């Protein structure tokens, strides 16, 4: 019984592996709150959280976080404003370029909010 489409807090995640699974994303981001739906494309995903607070915390803690050797590009994406696949793929490539500059030691490559991983994320990633 659907009573019209309700806007959900959606989070864009760029810079992920092309073979990442829904389970991996749910395990990693689920520490921030309930995830209602996951859409995975090539190199990026959309996570629909159950509430705004969880979505915003995920963005705050994970944007710039290095996962599988690459920094994630994580941001709020409202339902009516989702980018095209080409634009989203470009976002993932931009995040990858930042990581490449970091490897090459170029100044100014570090995202402004990158740093030590959030305790909840680090704990979730390190847990078996």
Protein backbone atom coordinates (compact mmCIF):
# COMPACT_ATOMS: atom_id res chain seq x y z
CA UNK A 1 0.00 0.00 0.00
CA UNK A 2 1.83 3.06 -1.21
CA UNK A 3 0.16 6.37 -0.40
CA UNK A 4 2.26 8.53 -2.69
CA UNK A 5 5.98 8.84 -2.85
CA UNK A 6 7.47 10.27 0.32
CA UNK A 7 10.77 12.09 0.05
CA UNK A 8 13.53 10.14 1.77
CA UNK A 9 16.87 11.50 2.89
CA UNK A 10 19.14 10.15 0.18
CA UNK A 11 22.92 10.08 0.37
CA UNK A 12 25.16 9.98 -2.70
CA UNK A 13 28.33 7.89 -2.25
CA UNK A 14 30.99 8.27 -4.95
CA UNK A 15 34.39 6.68 -5.34
CA UNK A 16 33.32 3.12 -4.49
CA UNK A 17 34.50 -0.08 -6.18
CA UNK A 18 32.48 -1.15 -9.19
CA UNK A 19 31.96 -4.59 -7.61
CA UNK A 20 30.83 -3.38 -4.17
CA UNK A 21 27.78 -5.17 -2.79
CA UNK A 22 24.65 -3.85 -1.15
CA UNK A 23 25.58 -5.82 1.97
CA UNK A 24 28.96 -4.06 2.21
CA UNK A 25 27.32 -0.65 1.92
CA UNK A 26 24.63 -1.52 4.46
CA UNK A 27 27.25 -2.85 6.90
CA UNK A 28 29.45 0.22 6.52
CA UNK A 29 26.80 2.96 6.54
CA UNK A 30 24.24 1.16 8.71
CA UNK A 31 26.04 2.26 11.87
CA UNK A 32 24.54 5.72 11.29
CA UNK A 33 20.92 4.57 11.07
CA UNK A 34 18.38 2.51 9.21
CA UNK A 35 18.84 2.37 5.44
CA UNK A 36 15.56 1.82 3.59
CA UNK A 37 16.93 1.36 0.08
CA UNK A 38 20.28 1.05 -1.72
CA UNK A 39 20.82 1.78 -5.42
CA UNK A 40 24.24 0.79 -6.76
CA UNK A 41 25.61 2.00 -10.10
CA UNK A 42 29.10 1.71 -11.57
CA UNK A 43 31.39 3.46 -9.08
CA UNK A 44 28.68 5.20 -7.04
CA UNK A 45 25.55 4.51 -5.00
CA UNK A 46 22.52 6.16 -3.43
CA UNK A 47 21.52 5.22 0.12
CA UNK A 48 18.03 6.15 1.26
CA UNK A 49 18.10 6.60 5.03
CA UNK A 50 15.02 6.36 7.24
CA UNK A 51 15.64 9.80 8.75
CA UNK A 52 17.48 13.06 8.07
CA UNK A 53 19.71 12.90 11.15
CA UNK A 54 21.18 9.55 10.10
CA UNK A 55 21.81 10.76 6.55
CA UNK A 56 23.53 13.95 7.74
CA UNK A 57 25.70 12.05 10.23
CA UNK A 58 26.78 9.62 7.50
CA UNK A 59 27.82 12.55 5.29
CA UNK A 60 29.63 14.33 8.14
CA UNK A 61 31.57 11.23 9.20
CA UNK A 62 32.26 9.58 5.83
CA UNK A 63 32.92 12.30 3.26
CA UNK A 64 36.63 11.98 2.48
CA UNK A 65 36.96 8.74 4.48
CA UNK A 66 39.34 6.32 2.75
CA UNK A 67 37.55 3.04 2.01
CA UNK A 68 39.26 0.30 0.01
CA UNK A 69 42.16 2.66 -0.62
CA UNK A 70 40.04 5.45 -2.11
CA UNK A 71 38.42 8.49 -0.48
CA UNK A 72 34.64 8.48 -0.55
CA UNK A 73 32.65 11.43 -1.86
CA UNK A 74 29.55 11.45 0.35
CA UNK A 75 26.82 14.10 0.27
CA UNK A 76 23.09 14.63 0.74
CA UNK A 77 21.17 14.15 -2.48
CA UNK A 78 17.51 15.08 -2.41
CA UNK A 79 15.05 12.90 -4.29
CA UNK A 80 14.04 15.49 -6.88
CA UNK A 81 17.58 16.48 -7.68
CA UNK A 82 19.47 13.25 -8.38
CA UNK A 83 22.22 13.70 -10.88
CA UNK A 84 22.51 11.79 -14.08
CA UNK A 85 24.72 8.70 -14.21
CA UNK A 86 27.34 10.62 -16.19
CA UNK A 87 27.49 13.44 -13.61
CA UNK A 88 27.67 11.00 -10.72
CA UNK A 89 30.43 9.02 -12.39
CA UNK A 90 32.36 12.27 -12.88
CA UNK A 91 31.98 12.97 -9.12
CA UNK A 92 33.53 9.59 -8.38
CA UNK A 93 36.38 10.36 -10.79
CA UNK A 94 36.95 13.73 -9.11
CA UNK A 95 37.25 12.01 -5.73
CA UNK A 96 39.71 9.53 -7.27
CA UNK A 97 41.77 12.43 -8.64
CA UNK A 98 42.08 13.88 -5.11
CA UNK A 99 43.38 10.51 -3.91
CA UNK A 100 45.89 10.37 -6.79
CA UNK A 101 47.17 13.84 -5.88
CA UNK A 102 47.56 12.70 -2.28
CA UNK A 103 49.65 9.74 -3.43
CA UNK A 104 51.81 12.09 -5.49
CA UNK A 105 52.24 14.42 -2.49
CA UNK A 106 50.63 17.44 -4.11
CA UNK A 107 49.64 20.22 -1.73
CA UNK A 108 45.99 21.09 -1.28
CA UNK A 109 44.79 17.66 -2.31
CA UNK A 110 43.29 16.70 1.05
CA UNK A 111 39.54 17.27 1.35
CA UNK A 112 38.83 19.87 4.07
CA UNK A 113 37.00 17.50 6.41
CA UNK A 114 39.22 14.46 5.89
CA UNK A 115 41.17 13.23 8.84
CA UNK A 116 41.09 10.45 11.35
CA UNK A 117 38.17 8.11 10.75
CA UNK A 118 35.10 8.54 12.86
CA UNK A 119 35.15 6.13 15.82
CA UNK A 120 31.84 4.51 14.82
CA UNK A 121 33.02 3.92 11.26
CA UNK A 122 36.42 2.65 12.31
CA UNK A 123 34.82 0.27 14.77
CA UNK A 124 32.30 -0.96 12.18
CA UNK A 125 35.00 -1.48 9.55
CA UNK A 126 37.33 -3.28 11.92
CA UNK A 127 34.66 -5.55 13.42
CA UNK A 128 34.51 -9.05 11.95
